[in-house]
Amino acid sequence: MAGAQPREQALPLLAAANNHGDLAVKLSSLKQAKDILLSVEPSQAAELFPYLVELQSSPETLVRKYLLEVIDEIGARTREHLSILLPVLLTFLKDNNPVISKQSIVTGTKIFCIVLEELAFQFQRRGIVERWLEELWTWMIKFRDAVLGIIFEAGSVGPKLLAIKFLERYVLHFTLDSNDLGTYSPEVMIRQGRIFNISWIMDGHPVLDPPALVADANRFLGILLDMLRSASNFPGSLTIAVVNR
């Protein structure tokens, strides 16, 4: 396929990843397709995202898991067209295999943090938030609510532990840190290794609503405390996780 356009190269590989009878061929094809997607301009890669999404129906656990890893890598590189792929995270949160639901929480948590930082950066730099980023935040709220539901649904302990860890991260993001108030710009804070905190945008933001998000963080902290009070109703590992959080 030397000299072929990226789309022409990637489409047969994605088809093989979806339809080939040999698992090794499926995984190899998906890896090659991923390399192509990461090597081209984001707008070109986005044209292939719908074909990537089709892999969420693969009966092969390893293919679904690798699909999440591909989304993880794409999310670290580009944001603008990521909303095409985010429904996969919500679908995989309900996957019957806990390996997949756990990986979905891990990948979604990373993207959640990336989107938060981008929301703060874009408003600081431009004074506006573009529509595509606002759409990403809408998907992140859906992800948050779905992850919260995992804690109380019947199912494997593993995803529940990661859901509790996500709640901890959410509380940290949206509990006001008075030490950060008006100190630095978001870009400076990130360069110093600080995670996003709601104090960065307390002067206002066109998409993020600080009072509502702080209230949510308080509510989620209350959920964690209620779980601790009801420790006898949960598996030991969940109780330990809540205490650690």
Protein backbone atom coordinates (compact mmCIF):
# COMPACT_ATOMS: atom_id res chain seq x y z
CA MET A 1 0.00 0.00 0.00
CA ALA A 2 2.99 2.27 -0.49
CA GLY A 3 1.92 5.73 -1.62
CA ALA A 4 -1.74 5.15 -0.69
CA GLN A 5 -3.68 7.83 1.15
CA PRO A 6 -4.09 7.30 4.92
CA ARG A 7 -7.81 6.59 4.50
CA GLU A 8 -7.12 3.95 1.86
CA GLN A 9 -4.52 2.38 4.13
CA ALA A 10 -6.61 2.45 7.30
CA LEU A 11 -9.98 1.24 6.03
CA PRO A 12 -8.86 -2.33 5.11
CA LEU A 13 -7.04 -2.57 8.43
CA LEU A 14 -10.11 -1.50 10.40
CA ALA A 15 -12.22 -3.96 8.39
CA ALA A 16 -9.76 -6.75 9.23
CA ALA A 17 -9.77 -5.75 12.90
CA ASN A 18 -13.55 -6.09 12.85
CA ASN A 19 -14.14 -9.11 10.64
CA HIS A 20 -11.05 -11.32 10.36
CA GLY A 21 -11.30 -14.78 11.91
CA ASP A 22 -7.83 -14.71 13.47
CA LEU A 23 -7.52 -12.72 16.72
CA ALA A 24 -3.83 -12.06 16.14
CA VAL A 25 -4.63 -10.54 12.75
CA LYS A 26 -7.38 -8.43 14.31
CA LEU A 27 -5.03 -7.00 16.92
CA SER A 28 -2.18 -6.45 14.47
CA SER A 29 -4.52 -4.69 12.04
CA LEU A 30 -5.91 -2.46 14.78
CA LYS A 31 -2.41 -1.53 15.90
CA GLN A 32 -1.43 -0.58 12.35
CA ALA A 33 -4.63 1.43 11.97
CA LYS A 34 -3.89 3.22 15.24
CA ASP A 35 -0.42 4.18 14.01
CA ILE A 36 -1.98 5.69 10.88
CA LEU A 37 -4.60 7.60 12.88
CA LEU A 38 -1.94 9.09 15.12
CA SER A 39 0.29 10.07 12.20
CA VAL A 40 -2.19 12.17 10.24
CA GLU A 41 -3.91 15.49 10.88
CA PRO A 42 -6.75 15.27 13.43
CA SER A 43 -9.36 16.20 10.82
CA GLN A 44 -8.19 13.32 8.60
CA ALA A 45 -8.17 10.89 11.51
CA ALA A 46 -11.70 11.97 12.50
CA GLU A 47 -13.03 10.77 9.14
CA LEU A 48 -12.11 7.26 10.22
CA PHE A 49 -13.47 7.45 13.77
CA PRO A 50 -16.92 6.05 12.84
CA TYR A 51 -15.20 2.90 11.52
CA LEU A 52 -13.23 2.70 14.75
CA VAL A 53 -16.44 2.94 16.77
CA GLU A 54 -17.81 -0.14 14.99
CA LEU A 55 -15.21 -2.21 16.85
CA GLN A 56 -17.12 -1.71 20.10
CA SER A 57 -19.32 -4.63 19.01
CA SER A 58 -16.38 -7.02 18.66
CA PRO A 59 -16.92 -10.29 20.56
CA GLU A 60 -13.19 -10.36 21.33
CA THR A 61 -12.31 -8.91 24.74
CA LEU A 62 -8.77 -8.08 23.63
CA VAL A 63 -10.05 -6.11 20.64
CA ARG A 64 -12.43 -4.09 22.82
CA LYS A 65 -9.70 -3.46 25.37
CA TYR A 66 -7.25 -2.35 22.69
CA LEU A 67 -9.93 -0.08 21.23
CA LEU A 68 -10.04 1.72 24.57
CA GLU A 69 -6.27 2.06 24.54
CA VAL A 70 -6.50 3.58 21.05
CA ILE A 71 -9.10 6.08 22.28
CA ASP A 72 -6.81 6.86 25.22
CA GLU A 73 -3.91 7.67 22.90
CA ILE A 74 -6.08 9.70 20.54
CA GLY A 75 -7.48 11.67 23.49
CA ALA A 76 -3.96 12.55 24.63
CA ARG A 77 -3.15 13.91 21.18
CA THR A 78 -6.29 15.66 19.93
CA ARG A 79 -9.55 16.97 21.37
CA GLU A 80 -11.66 18.55 18.67
CA HIS A 81 -13.24 15.42 17.19
CA LEU A 82 -13.07 13.23 20.28
CA SER A 83 -16.82 13.38 20.91
CA ILE A 84 -17.27 10.86 18.06
CA LEU A 85 -15.48 8.25 20.18
CA LEU A 86 -16.85 9.02 23.64
CA PRO A 87 -20.07 6.98 23.30
CA VAL A 88 -17.79 3.94 23.28
CA LEU A 89 -16.77 4.74 26.87
CA LEU A 90 -20.40 4.79 28.01
CA THR A 91 -21.13 1.53 26.21
CA PHE A 92 -18.09 -0.19 27.71
CA LEU A 93 -18.95 0.94 31.24
CA LYS A 94 -21.74 -1.63 31.01
CA ASP A 95 -19.62 -4.36 29.40
CA ASN A 96 -20.13 -7.81 30.88
CA ASN A 97 -16.38 -8.25 31.21
CA PRO A 98 -15.04 -6.22 34.18
CA VAL A 99 -11.70 -5.85 32.40
CA ILE A 100 -13.42 -3.70 29.79
CA SER A 101 -15.50 -1.65 32.23
CA LYS A 102 -12.40 -1.00 34.34
CA GLN A 103 -10.38 0.14 31.34
CA SER A 104 -13.27 2.38 30.29
CA ILE A 105 -13.19 4.13 33.67
CA VAL A 106 -9.41 4.55 33.47
CA THR A 107 -9.54 5.99 29.95
CA GLY A 108 -12.55 8.17 30.73
CA THR A 109 -10.92 9.57 33.86
CA LYS A 110 -7.88 10.65 31.86
CA ILE A 111 -10.06 12.32 29.22
CA PHE A 112 -12.16 13.98 31.94
CA CYS A 113 -9.05 15.66 33.36
CA ILE A 114 -7.83 16.66 29.88
CA VAL A 115 -11.17 18.26 29.02
CA LEU A 116 -11.25 20.20 32.30
CA GLU A 117 -7.81 21.64 31.66
CA GLU A 118 -8.69 22.49 28.07
CA LEU A 119 -11.84 24.30 29.23
CA ALA A 120 -9.78 26.44 31.59
CA PHE A 121 -7.01 27.08 29.03
CA GLN A 122 -9.27 27.97 26.13
CA PHE A 123 -11.30 30.49 28.08
CA GLN A 124 -8.15 32.07 29.48
CA ARG A 125 -6.49 32.36 26.07
CA ARG A 126 -9.48 33.30 23.89
CA GLY A 127 -12.21 34.48 26.21
CA ILE A 128 -14.58 31.92 24.66
CA VAL A 129 -15.16 28.17 24.64
CA GLU A 130 -15.66 26.56 21.25
CA ARG A 131 -18.72 24.46 20.58
CA TRP A 132 -16.80 21.19 20.16
CA LEU A 133 -15.28 21.58 23.62
CA GLU A 134 -18.64 22.35 25.17
CA GLU A 135 -19.93 19.14 23.57
CA LEU A 136 -17.03 17.19 25.09
CA TRP A 137 -17.97 18.49 28.52
CA THR A 138 -21.56 17.33 27.99
CA TRP A 139 -20.22 13.82 27.32
CA MET A 140 -18.03 14.04 30.43
CA ILE A 141 -21.08 14.78 32.58
CA LYS A 142 -22.77 11.70 31.11
CA PHE A 143 -19.63 9.70 31.89
CA ARG A 144 -19.58 11.01 35.47
CA ASP A 145 -23.19 10.03 36.09
CA ALA A 146 -22.68 6.57 34.57
CA VAL A 147 -19.59 5.94 36.71
CA LEU A 148 -21.48 6.99 39.83
CA GLY A 149 -24.16 4.43 39.00
CA ILE A 150 -21.59 1.62 38.88
CA ILE A 151 -20.92 1.95 42.60
CA PHE A 152 -24.45 0.97 43.55
CA GLU A 153 -25.29 -1.49 40.77
CA ALA A 154 -24.82 -5.22 41.18
CA GLY A 155 -21.56 -6.29 39.62
CA SER A 156 -17.85 -6.94 39.98
CA VAL A 157 -15.90 -5.18 42.72
CA GLY A 158 -13.07 -4.13 40.38
CA PRO A 159 -15.03 -1.47 38.44
CA LYS A 160 -16.56 -0.22 41.69
CA LEU A 161 -13.10 0.43 43.14
CA LEU A 162 -12.14 2.51 40.10
CA ALA A 163 -15.48 4.32 40.25
CA ILE A 164 -14.72 5.32 43.84
CA LYS A 165 -11.29 6.53 42.74
CA PHE A 166 -12.98 8.65 40.04
CA LEU A 167 -15.26 10.17 42.67
CA GLU A 168 -12.21 11.05 44.74
CA ARG A 169 -10.66 12.79 41.75
CA TYR A 170 -13.90 14.65 41.09
CA VAL A 171 -14.07 15.87 44.69
CA LEU A 172 -10.46 17.08 44.50
CA HIS A 173 -11.14 18.97 41.27
CA PHE A 174 -14.22 20.74 42.56
CA THR A 175 -13.47 21.33 46.23
CA LEU A 176 -12.25 24.92 46.55
CA ASP A 177 -8.53 25.20 47.27
CA SER A 178 -8.03 28.61 48.82
CA ASN A 179 -4.27 28.36 48.23
CA ASP A 180 -4.88 28.53 44.47
CA LEU A 181 -7.22 31.51 44.46
CA GLY A 182 -5.94 34.10 42.02
CA THR A 183 -2.37 32.90 42.33
CA TYR A 184 -1.45 31.73 38.83
CA SER A 185 -2.95 31.15 35.43
CA PRO A 186 -4.15 27.60 34.61
CA GLU A 187 -1.20 27.09 32.25
CA VAL A 188 1.30 27.96 34.98
CA MET A 189 -0.44 25.68 37.45
CA ILE A 190 -0.33 22.72 35.06
CA ARG A 191 3.34 23.30 34.29
CA GLN A 192 3.96 23.11 38.03
CA GLY A 193 2.29 19.70 38.10
CA ARG A 194 -0.93 20.87 39.74
CA ILE A 195 -4.24 19.24 38.83
CA PHE A 196 -7.23 21.36 37.85
CA ASN A 197 -9.04 23.00 40.75
CA ILE A 198 -12.30 24.92 40.64
CA SER A 199 -10.53 27.88 42.25
CA TRP A 200 -8.91 28.57 38.86
CA ILE A 201 -12.22 29.69 37.39
CA MET A 202 -14.07 31.18 40.35
CA ASP A 203 -14.25 34.49 38.49
CA GLY A 204 -16.58 32.84 36.01
CA HIS A 205 -16.66 30.52 33.03
CA PRO A 206 -19.10 30.24 30.09
CA VAL A 207 -19.47 26.44 30.37
CA LEU A 208 -18.39 25.37 33.84
CA ASP A 209 -20.68 26.47 36.67
CA PRO A 210 -18.48 26.72 39.80
CA PRO A 211 -21.26 26.80 42.45
CA ALA A 212 -23.03 23.80 40.89
CA LEU A 213 -19.80 21.81 40.54
CA VAL A 214 -18.77 22.57 44.13
CA ALA A 215 -22.22 21.41 45.26
CA ASP A 216 -21.77 18.20 43.26
CA ALA A 217 -18.38 17.61 44.90
CA ASN A 218 -19.94 18.04 48.32
CA ARG A 219 -22.70 15.60 47.38
CA PHE A 220 -20.20 13.01 46.17
CA LEU A 221 -18.13 13.43 49.32
CA GLY A 222 -21.33 12.77 51.26
CA ILE A 223 -21.84 9.58 49.25
CA LEU A 224 -18.34 8.39 50.17
CA LEU A 225 -18.98 9.18 53.84
CA ASP A 226 -22.32 7.36 53.75
CA MET A 227 -20.56 4.33 52.31
CA LEU A 228 -18.08 4.46 55.15
CA ARG A 229 -20.91 4.59 57.72
CA SER A 230 -22.53 1.61 56.01
CA ALA A 231 -19.29 -0.35 55.70
CA SER A 232 -20.87 -3.59 56.84
CA ASN A 233 -23.07 -3.60 53.73
CA PHE A 234 -20.15 -3.52 51.30
CA PRO A 235 -17.31 -5.93 50.46
CA GLY A 236 -14.16 -5.37 52.50
CA SER A 237 -12.15 -4.10 49.54
CA LEU A 238 -14.72 -1.38 48.86
CA THR A 239 -14.62 -0.26 52.48
CA ILE A 240 -10.82 -0.09 52.37
CA ALA A 241 -11.00 1.92 49.15
CA VAL A 242 -13.40 4.45 50.70
CA VAL A 243 -11.16 4.84 53.75
CA ASN A 244 -8.12 5.38 51.53
CA ARG A 245 -9.94 7.92 49.42
